[in-house]
Amino acid sequence: MAKASDSKGKTLAAAARLFRQQGYHGTALHDILLAGGSPRGSLYFHFPKGKEEIGGAALTLAGEAVRQAIVQAAEKSDNAESFLVRIVRAMASDLQRSDYREGCPIATTALETAVQSEVLGAATRTAFQKWELEIKRGLFRFGLTSGDADLVATMVLSQLEGALLLARTYRSLAPIQRAEEAVKLLLAGAARSAN
C-alpha cells in the first residue's frame, strides 16, 4: 500500500501532466484520480478544497521543476549564450518527447484561469516570476548589467512561451529553433548596447 505522501505526490504529478496536456477545465477530478492511481478518499483527505486546491499545488510543483531546470542550466553553462541555448533546447526536447502534447506546464492553465481563480492565478504568476528571476540571475552571473539582464530575461521568457505555443500548434520544432536564434540576437544586442 502506498504511503499517504506517495498518494498525494502521485495525484499532484498526474494533475500537473493533465493540466499541461488538456488544460484545467479539460481535466476532471476523475481523470486525475485515474492517472494518479489514487483512491477517491485520498483526494478529499489531501485536498479538502477540491480541484482548485489540487490545481494550485500542481502548478506550484510544475513551476518549481522548471525553475530548478533553469538554475541547473546556469550552473552547467560557461556563458550567457550557452545558458539560454540550454534552456531552449531542453524545452524543445521536452515538447518533442511528448509528441507535442505537453507545451509549457503553466501556460495552458494560466490562459484559461488566471483571471477566474485567485488561487490558480497566484500559482501561475508566481511560477512565471520565478522563471524570469532565474533567467535574470543567470544572465547577471554571465556579465549582463542588472538592467540589461532584467530586460533580456523578460524578452527571453516571452519569446520562449510564444515559441512553445507555436511549436505545439504547428507540431514542429521550427518555431523553437527560430527562438534559439532570436535569443542569441537579443544577447548580441545587449552586448552592443553595453559597449
Protein backbone atom coordinates (compact mmCIF):
# COMPACT_ATOMS: atom_id res chain seq x y z
CA MET A 1 0.00 0.00 0.00
CA ALA A 2 1.31 3.44 -0.90
CA LYS A 3 2.03 5.90 1.86
CA ALA A 4 -0.21 8.93 2.16
CA SER A 5 2.56 11.20 0.91
CA ASP A 6 3.04 8.93 -2.13
CA SER A 7 -0.66 9.21 -2.91
CA LYS A 8 -0.53 13.00 -2.64
CA GLY A 9 2.59 13.22 -4.80
CA LYS A 10 1.15 10.93 -7.46
CA THR A 11 -2.04 12.97 -7.53
CA LEU A 12 -0.14 16.24 -7.99
CA ALA A 13 2.16 14.81 -10.67
CA ALA A 14 -0.84 13.42 -12.56
CA ALA A 15 -2.73 16.71 -12.27
CA ALA A 16 0.28 18.72 -13.46
CA ARG A 17 0.69 16.47 -16.50
CA LEU A 18 -3.01 16.53 -17.37
CA PHE A 19 -3.33 20.30 -16.96
CA ARG A 20 -0.31 20.68 -19.22
CA GLN A 21 -1.87 18.46 -21.88
CA GLN A 22 -5.52 19.40 -21.79
CA GLY A 23 -5.87 22.41 -19.54
CA TYR A 24 -7.53 22.89 -16.18
CA HIS A 25 -11.11 22.95 -17.44
CA GLY A 26 -10.48 19.98 -19.72
CA THR A 27 -9.36 17.84 -16.78
CA ALA A 28 -11.92 16.26 -14.48
CA LEU A 29 -11.19 15.03 -10.96
CA HIS A 30 -11.90 11.52 -12.23
CA ASP A 31 -9.11 11.96 -14.81
CA ILE A 32 -6.67 12.97 -12.07
CA LEU A 33 -7.62 10.01 -9.89
CA LEU A 34 -7.29 7.60 -12.77
CA ALA A 35 -3.94 8.98 -13.95
CA GLY A 36 -2.54 9.14 -10.41
CA GLY A 37 -3.85 5.74 -9.36
CA SER A 38 -5.13 7.16 -6.09
CA PRO A 39 -8.36 6.24 -4.34
CA ARG A 40 -11.08 8.88 -4.22
CA GLY A 41 -10.85 9.09 -0.44
CA SER A 42 -7.22 10.17 -0.56
CA LEU A 43 -8.14 13.01 -2.89
CA TYR A 44 -10.50 14.56 -0.39
CA PHE A 45 -8.18 13.78 2.52
CA HIS A 46 -5.19 15.58 0.95
CA PHE A 47 -7.17 18.24 -0.90
CA PRO A 48 -10.33 19.07 1.06
CA LYS A 49 -10.90 22.22 -1.03
CA GLY A 50 -11.14 20.16 -4.21
CA LYS A 51 -9.87 20.67 -7.71
CA GLU A 52 -8.76 24.28 -7.27
CA GLU A 53 -6.52 23.29 -4.37
CA ILE A 54 -5.05 20.46 -6.46
CA GLY A 55 -4.55 22.91 -9.31
CA GLY A 56 -2.64 25.41 -7.20
CA ALA A 57 -0.40 22.72 -5.74
CA ALA A 58 0.17 21.02 -9.12
CA LEU A 59 1.10 24.32 -10.77
CA THR A 60 3.49 25.10 -7.93
CA LEU A 61 5.10 21.67 -8.34
CA ALA A 62 5.45 22.07 -12.11
CA GLY A 63 6.70 25.63 -11.79
CA GLU A 64 9.37 24.60 -9.32
CA ALA A 65 10.60 21.84 -11.62
CA VAL A 66 11.15 24.37 -14.42
CA ARG A 67 12.78 26.84 -12.03
CA GLN A 68 15.22 24.15 -10.95
CA ALA A 69 15.97 23.30 -14.59
CA ILE A 70 16.82 26.96 -15.27
CA VAL A 71 19.12 27.05 -12.23
CA GLN A 72 20.85 23.86 -13.41
CA ALA A 73 21.23 25.27 -16.92
CA ALA A 74 23.05 28.29 -15.47
CA GLU A 75 25.30 26.07 -13.35
CA LYS A 76 26.25 23.90 -16.35
CA SER A 77 26.91 26.80 -18.72
CA ASP A 78 30.06 28.81 -19.42
CA ASN A 79 28.42 31.95 -20.80
CA ALA A 80 25.07 33.65 -21.32
CA GLU A 81 24.54 32.23 -24.80
CA SER A 82 25.14 28.62 -23.79
CA PHE A 83 22.84 29.18 -20.78
CA LEU A 84 19.93 30.36 -22.91
CA VAL A 85 20.54 27.78 -25.65
CA ARG A 86 20.50 25.05 -23.00
CA ILE A 87 17.08 26.26 -21.78
CA VAL A 88 15.67 26.46 -25.32
CA ARG A 89 16.92 23.02 -26.28
CA ALA A 90 15.60 21.44 -23.09
CA MET A 91 12.15 22.86 -23.86
CA ALA A 92 12.35 21.61 -27.44
CA SER A 93 13.39 18.15 -26.29
CA ASP A 94 10.60 18.01 -23.74
CA LEU A 95 7.98 19.06 -26.29
CA GLN A 96 9.21 16.60 -28.90
CA ARG A 97 9.39 13.75 -26.35
CA SER A 98 5.71 14.30 -25.55
CA ASP A 99 4.83 14.20 -29.26
CA TYR A 100 3.76 17.87 -28.98
CA ARG A 101 1.14 17.11 -26.33
CA GLU A 102 2.93 18.93 -23.50
CA GLY A 103 3.98 22.53 -24.01
CA CYS A 104 4.59 24.90 -21.14
CA PRO A 105 3.49 23.34 -17.83
CA ILE A 106 1.92 26.64 -16.74
CA ALA A 107 0.66 28.46 -19.84
CA THR A 108 -2.35 26.28 -20.70
CA THR A 109 -3.84 26.72 -17.24
CA ALA A 110 -2.75 30.35 -16.96
CA LEU A 111 -4.56 31.32 -20.14
CA GLU A 112 -7.85 29.79 -19.08
CA THR A 113 -7.93 30.50 -15.33
CA ALA A 114 -5.62 33.35 -14.28
CA VAL A 115 -8.41 35.91 -14.02
CA GLN A 116 -11.09 33.47 -12.85
CA SER A 117 -9.33 31.98 -9.84
CA GLU A 118 -7.12 33.82 -7.38
CA VAL A 119 -5.53 30.52 -6.29
CA LEU A 120 -4.63 29.45 -9.83
CA GLY A 121 -3.77 32.99 -10.91
CA ALA A 122 -1.35 33.36 -7.98
CA ALA A 123 0.26 29.99 -8.75
CA THR A 124 0.78 30.84 -12.43
CA ARG A 125 2.07 34.36 -11.71
CA THR A 126 4.49 33.04 -9.12
CA ALA A 127 5.84 30.37 -11.47
CA PHE A 128 6.45 32.81 -14.32
CA GLN A 129 8.01 35.38 -11.96
CA LYS A 130 10.39 32.78 -10.54
CA TRP A 131 11.44 31.63 -14.03
CA GLU A 132 12.04 35.19 -15.13
CA LEU A 133 14.07 35.87 -11.99
CA GLU A 134 16.24 32.77 -12.51
CA ILE A 135 16.89 33.73 -16.13
CA LYS A 136 17.84 37.22 -14.95
CA ARG A 137 20.16 35.79 -12.28
CA GLY A 138 21.83 33.55 -14.85
CA LEU A 139 22.35 36.45 -17.25
CA PHE A 140 23.68 38.66 -14.47
CA ARG A 141 26.04 35.86 -13.46
CA PHE A 142 27.41 35.86 -17.01
CA GLY A 143 28.10 39.58 -17.05
CA LEU A 144 24.97 41.41 -18.13
CA THR A 145 24.16 44.51 -16.12
CA SER A 146 21.17 44.25 -13.82
CA GLY A 147 19.03 46.41 -16.12
CA ASP A 148 20.01 44.51 -19.26
CA ALA A 149 19.55 41.16 -17.52
CA ASP A 150 16.07 42.23 -16.40
CA LEU A 151 15.07 43.33 -19.91
CA VAL A 152 16.58 40.33 -21.68
CA ALA A 153 15.04 37.88 -19.17
CA THR A 154 11.54 39.21 -19.87
CA MET A 155 12.14 39.12 -23.61
CA VAL A 156 13.57 35.59 -23.49
CA LEU A 157 10.70 34.22 -21.43
CA SER A 158 8.17 35.89 -23.72
CA GLN A 159 9.97 34.57 -26.79
CA LEU A 160 10.09 31.01 -25.44
CA GLU A 161 6.47 30.96 -24.32
CA GLY A 162 5.34 32.11 -27.76
CA ALA A 163 7.65 29.64 -29.48
CA LEU A 164 6.29 26.77 -27.38
CA LEU A 165 2.74 27.72 -28.29
CA LEU A 166 3.56 27.88 -31.99
CA ALA A 167 5.62 24.69 -31.94
CA ARG A 168 2.85 22.78 -30.20
CA THR A 169 0.23 24.18 -32.57
CA TYR A 170 2.31 23.53 -35.71
CA ARG A 171 3.63 20.20 -34.35
CA SER A 172 7.05 21.38 -35.42
CA LEU A 173 10.25 22.42 -33.64
CA ALA A 174 10.86 25.16 -36.21
CA PRO A 175 9.46 27.98 -34.00
CA ILE A 176 11.68 26.90 -31.12
CA GLN A 177 14.70 26.70 -33.40
CA ARG A 178 13.98 30.24 -34.57
CA ALA A 179 13.53 31.28 -30.94
CA GLU A 180 17.02 29.96 -30.24
CA GLU A 181 18.38 32.27 -32.93
CA ALA A 182 16.28 35.13 -31.58
CA VAL A 183 17.67 34.82 -28.05
CA LYS A 184 21.19 34.87 -29.48
CA LEU A 185 20.31 38.11 -31.27
CA LEU A 186 18.90 39.54 -28.03
CA LEU A 187 22.17 38.79 -26.27
CA ALA A 188 24.22 40.28 -29.08
CA GLY A 189 22.10 43.43 -28.94
CA ALA A 190 22.52 43.67 -25.18
CA ALA A 191 26.28 43.26 -25.56
CA ARG A 192 26.42 46.02 -28.19
CA SER A 193 24.42 48.43 -26.06
CA ALA A 194 26.71 47.77 -23.09
CA ASN A 195 29.81 48.79 -25.11
